[in-house]
């Protein structure tokens, strides 16, 4: 799928005919392909707000005042979240739900960002090495390491983070009342140093953090970089992977 049809990241020309660097990132040449894991549903990062409002107006006739307020609050929160993801150059966002093996459901989110390197064109190994500190920043020093994936060396880190917010029954809290999540992060440099692909998996189900971390590692190992003319490969049937998704190009 071409992400330029969904977000404002597509390049655009200035009135002078030149391109502002801020408007041309991610670079059009940085086509990225990876496989989606089973149990995850992709969320449109730039939904049709008018269509959502129409659905709300139609559905509100059957809801109580409290339910209407809760629905409107949820839509507003979703819009804020998606806008924040777009501003961080997110190109993919998905929510997953899986059998927890005990009669319940565990969930997680998978987000993919394209980040501009501090020094464009840097050697991929150096880009991975220098990005490691930022990748592990939410968890503290020495929480990450360099790993080798099919597309090259990557920086990876894992840990538990707490966010100020409104925890609910499914989200654990720290002593300060903040929501606690397990998070895994992998930063994979483009072979030409054009950008850094950042994959993040987050779940409030701490007991399943290792499983979701393994899923993220599996997704990262399927990442392929190529030109816009490259054909998208067909996925192998079965296993954890469901389908190939092209998200930039």
Protein backbone atom coordinates (compact mmCIF):
# COMPACT_ATOMS: atom_id res chain seq x y z
CA UNK A 1 0.00 0.00 0.00
CA UNK A 2 1.25 3.47 -0.86
CA UNK A 3 1.40 5.53 2.32
CA UNK A 4 1.49 8.81 0.40
CA UNK A 5 -2.22 8.36 -0.28
CA UNK A 6 -2.92 8.22 3.45
CA UNK A 7 -0.69 10.82 5.07
CA UNK A 8 0.76 14.26 4.45
CA UNK A 9 4.27 12.84 4.09
CA UNK A 10 4.18 12.88 0.30
CA UNK A 11 6.65 15.36 -1.24
CA UNK A 12 5.28 18.66 -2.49
CA UNK A 13 6.91 21.47 -4.43
CA UNK A 14 7.27 24.99 -3.06
CA UNK A 15 6.13 28.00 -5.17
CA UNK A 16 9.72 28.43 -6.40
CA UNK A 17 9.73 24.91 -7.79
CA UNK A 18 12.29 23.67 -5.26
CA UNK A 19 11.54 21.21 -2.48
CA UNK A 20 11.74 22.09 1.19
CA UNK A 21 13.60 19.29 3.04
CA UNK A 22 10.84 19.28 5.65
CA UNK A 23 8.32 18.55 2.92
CA UNK A 24 10.29 15.79 1.25
CA UNK A 25 10.78 13.48 4.19
CA UNK A 26 10.42 10.53 4.15
CA UNK A 27 12.32 10.41 0.84
CA UNK A 28 10.32 8.98 -2.09
CA UNK A 29 13.12 6.49 -2.79
CA UNK A 30 12.86 4.91 0.66
CA UNK A 31 10.33 2.25 -0.22
CA UNK A 32 9.75 -0.08 2.69
CA UNK A 33 8.09 -3.47 2.68
CA UNK A 34 7.41 -5.74 5.62
CA UNK A 35 5.01 -8.45 6.67
CA UNK A 36 2.05 -7.98 8.97
CA UNK A 37 1.65 -10.43 11.87
CA UNK A 38 -1.56 -12.35 12.44
CA UNK A 39 -4.11 -10.85 14.78
CA UNK A 40 -3.28 -7.20 13.98
CA UNK A 41 -5.69 -4.81 12.28
CA UNK A 42 -4.24 -1.82 10.46
CA UNK A 43 -5.66 1.57 11.47
CA UNK A 44 -5.88 4.39 8.94
CA UNK A 45 -3.52 7.12 10.16
CA UNK A 46 -5.52 9.81 8.36
CA UNK A 47 -9.19 8.77 8.55
CA UNK A 48 -12.10 10.58 6.97
CA UNK A 49 -13.28 12.71 9.90
CA UNK A 50 -16.48 13.72 8.14
CA UNK A 51 -17.42 10.06 7.73
CA UNK A 52 -16.70 9.45 11.43
CA UNK A 53 -18.87 12.41 12.41
CA UNK A 54 -21.69 11.08 10.26
CA UNK A 55 -21.44 7.68 11.92
CA UNK A 56 -21.46 9.38 15.33
CA UNK A 57 -24.53 11.45 14.47
CA UNK A 58 -26.41 8.41 13.21
CA UNK A 59 -25.46 6.26 16.18
CA UNK A 60 -26.00 8.92 18.83
CA UNK A 61 -29.78 8.66 18.38
CA UNK A 62 -29.65 5.24 20.01
CA UNK A 63 -27.33 6.21 22.87
CA UNK A 64 -27.86 7.79 26.25
CA UNK A 65 -26.32 11.17 27.00
CA UNK A 66 -23.49 9.51 28.95
CA UNK A 67 -22.84 7.07 26.10
CA UNK A 68 -22.81 9.89 23.54
CA UNK A 69 -20.27 11.77 25.66
CA UNK A 70 -18.06 8.69 26.03
CA UNK A 71 -18.20 8.03 22.27
CA UNK A 72 -17.36 11.65 21.40
CA UNK A 73 -14.51 11.61 23.94
CA UNK A 74 -13.15 8.40 22.41
CA UNK A 75 -13.25 9.80 18.87
CA UNK A 76 -11.49 12.97 20.01
CA UNK A 77 -8.77 10.98 21.77
CA UNK A 78 -8.29 8.81 18.68
CA UNK A 79 -7.92 11.89 16.48
CA UNK A 80 -5.31 13.37 18.82
CA UNK A 81 -3.37 10.09 18.88
CA UNK A 82 -3.39 9.66 15.10
CA UNK A 83 -2.34 13.28 14.54
CA UNK A 84 0.56 12.82 16.97
CA UNK A 85 1.64 9.68 15.12
CA UNK A 86 1.55 11.46 11.75
CA UNK A 87 3.66 14.30 13.15
CA UNK A 88 6.27 11.73 14.17
CA UNK A 89 6.31 10.37 10.58
CA UNK A 90 4.41 7.20 11.41
CA UNK A 91 3.68 5.17 8.28
CA UNK A 92 1.90 2.23 9.87
CA UNK A 93 -0.21 1.67 12.97
CA UNK A 94 -2.07 -1.50 13.94
CA UNK A 95 -3.88 -2.88 16.98
CA UNK A 96 -3.65 -6.56 17.83
CA UNK A 97 -5.74 -8.90 19.96
CA UNK A 98 -4.80 -12.47 20.81
CA UNK A 99 -5.93 -15.37 22.97
CA UNK A 100 -4.00 -15.14 26.23
CA UNK A 101 -4.25 -18.89 26.85
CA UNK A 102 -6.38 -18.41 29.95
CA UNK A 103 -9.76 -17.65 28.43
CA UNK A 104 -9.04 -13.96 28.00
CA UNK A 105 -7.60 -11.60 25.40
CA UNK A 106 -4.23 -9.85 25.34
CA UNK A 107 -3.64 -6.82 23.15
CA UNK A 108 -0.82 -4.71 21.77
CA UNK A 109 -0.11 -1.96 19.27
CA UNK A 110 2.44 -2.08 16.47
CA UNK A 111 3.73 1.23 15.07
CA UNK A 112 6.28 1.91 12.35
CA UNK A 113 7.97 5.30 12.03
CA UNK A 114 10.40 6.64 9.44
CA UNK A 115 12.95 8.92 11.10
CA UNK A 116 15.37 11.34 9.47
CA UNK A 117 19.00 10.61 10.38
CA UNK A 118 21.10 13.31 12.04
CA UNK A 119 23.66 12.89 9.23
CA UNK A 120 21.99 11.70 5.97
CA UNK A 121 23.94 9.09 4.05
CA UNK A 122 25.68 7.72 7.11
CA UNK A 123 27.03 4.18 6.94
CA UNK A 124 24.21 1.84 8.08
CA UNK A 125 26.30 0.26 10.84
CA UNK A 126 27.27 3.68 12.21
CA UNK A 127 23.66 4.85 11.95
CA UNK A 128 22.51 1.81 13.94
CA UNK A 129 25.28 2.28 16.50
CA UNK A 130 24.64 5.99 17.00
CA UNK A 131 20.85 5.49 17.17
CA UNK A 132 21.12 2.85 19.90
CA UNK A 133 21.22 5.47 22.66
CA UNK A 134 17.95 7.00 21.42
CA UNK A 135 16.33 3.58 20.94
CA UNK A 136 17.04 2.57 24.54
CA UNK A 137 16.36 6.04 26.03
CA UNK A 138 12.86 5.21 27.40
CA UNK A 139 14.27 2.25 29.35
CA UNK A 140 17.60 3.54 30.60
CA UNK A 141 21.23 2.98 29.56
CA UNK A 142 22.50 -0.47 28.62
CA UNK A 143 18.98 -1.76 27.95
CA UNK A 144 19.61 -2.28 24.24
CA UNK A 145 22.02 -3.93 21.85
CA UNK A 146 22.91 -4.15 18.17
CA UNK A 147 21.35 -7.13 16.39
CA UNK A 148 21.65 -8.58 12.90
CA UNK A 149 18.55 -8.87 10.73
CA UNK A 150 17.98 -9.92 7.12
CA UNK A 151 18.19 -6.29 5.95
CA UNK A 152 21.26 -5.46 8.03
CA UNK A 153 22.35 -4.42 11.49
CA UNK A 154 19.73 -2.83 13.76
CA UNK A 155 19.49 -1.29 17.22
CA UNK A 156 17.04 -2.98 19.59
CA UNK A 157 15.88 -2.35 23.16
CA UNK A 158 13.18 -3.62 25.49
CA UNK A 159 11.78 -2.44 28.80
CA UNK A 160 8.84 -1.18 30.83
CA UNK A 161 7.66 2.41 30.58
CA UNK A 162 5.08 4.48 32.47
CA UNK A 163 2.92 7.19 30.93
CA UNK A 164 0.73 9.78 32.57
CA UNK A 165 -2.82 9.07 31.52
CA UNK A 166 -5.97 7.33 32.59
CA UNK A 167 -5.23 3.68 33.42
CA UNK A 168 -8.16 1.29 33.29
CA UNK A 169 -8.82 -2.24 34.49
CA UNK A 170 -6.56 -3.77 31.82
CA UNK A 171 -3.64 -1.35 32.23
CA UNK A 172 -1.40 -1.78 35.29
CA UNK A 173 -0.32 1.28 37.28
CA UNK A 174 2.90 2.28 38.96
CA UNK A 175 2.97 3.75 42.49
CA UNK A 176 2.38 7.22 41.03
CA UNK A 177 -0.76 6.09 39.23
CA UNK A 178 0.78 6.16 35.76
CA UNK A 179 -0.15 3.58 33.12
CA UNK A 180 2.54 0.90 32.72
CA UNK A 181 3.38 -0.74 29.39
CA UNK A 182 6.01 -3.16 28.17
CA UNK A 183 7.61 -1.86 25.01
CA UNK A 184 10.06 -3.21 22.45
CA UNK A 185 11.80 -0.94 19.92
CA UNK A 186 13.91 -1.79 16.87
CA UNK A 187 15.69 0.78 14.70
CA UNK A 188 16.73 -0.45 11.25
CA UNK A 189 18.79 1.86 9.00
CA UNK A 190 18.10 2.24 5.30
CA UNK A 191 21.05 0.73 3.35
CA UNK A 192 21.83 4.16 1.87
CA UNK A 193 21.50 5.93 5.22
CA UNK A 194 18.47 7.90 3.96
CA UNK A 195 16.34 7.14 7.00
CA UNK A 196 15.93 4.99 10.07
CA UNK A 197 12.94 2.67 10.27
CA UNK A 198 11.70 2.51 13.87
CA UNK A 199 9.36 -0.33 14.82
CA UNK A 200 7.61 -0.24 18.19
CA UNK A 201 5.45 -2.81 19.96
CA UNK A 202 3.64 -1.87 23.18
CA UNK A 203 1.36 -3.89 25.45
CA UNK A 204 -0.13 -3.41 28.93
CA UNK A 205 -0.11 -7.20 29.36
CA UNK A 206 3.31 -7.46 30.96
CA UNK A 207 3.09 -11.24 31.27
CA UNK A 208 2.96 -11.48 27.47
CA UNK A 209 5.69 -8.93 26.79
CA UNK A 210 8.20 -11.54 25.63
CA UNK A 211 5.75 -13.00 23.13
CA UNK A 212 4.95 -9.61 21.64
CA UNK A 213 8.66 -8.79 21.56
CA UNK A 214 9.24 -11.97 19.55
CA UNK A 215 6.50 -10.91 17.12
CA UNK A 216 8.18 -7.52 16.65
CA UNK A 217 11.52 -9.20 16.01
CA UNK A 218 9.84 -11.44 13.42
CA UNK A 219 8.30 -8.45 11.66
CA UNK A 220 11.60 -6.54 11.68
CA UNK A 221 13.37 -9.51 10.11
CA UNK A 222 10.98 -9.31 7.12
CA UNK A 223 11.70 -5.64 6.38
CA UNK A 224 12.96 -5.04 2.86
CA UNK A 225 14.13 -1.78 1.34
CA UNK A 226 13.89 -1.12 -2.37
CA UNK A 227 13.00 1.32 -5.12
CA UNK A 228 9.46 2.27 -6.00
CA UNK A 229 9.65 0.02 -9.08
CA UNK A 230 10.29 -3.11 -7.00
CA UNK A 231 7.50 -5.64 -7.02
CA UNK A 232 5.99 -6.59 -3.68
CA UNK A 233 6.82 -10.19 -2.85
CA UNK A 234 4.09 -12.68 -2.09
CA UNK A 235 4.06 -13.96 1.51
CA UNK A 236 4.72 -17.58 2.32
CA UNK A 237 1.54 -19.32 3.56
CA UNK A 238 1.09 -20.14 7.24
CA UNK A 239 3.20 -19.17 10.21
CA UNK A 240 3.02 -15.92 12.12
CA UNK A 241 3.06 -13.74 9.02
CA UNK A 242 -0.23 -12.94 7.33
CA UNK A 243 0.54 -10.65 4.39
CA UNK A 244 3.09 -8.35 2.82
CA UNK A 245 2.39 -4.65 3.17
CA UNK A 246 4.17 -1.92 1.27
CA UNK A 247 3.99 1.23 3.37
CA UNK A 248 6.21 3.75 1.68
CA UNK A 249 7.11 4.46 -1.91
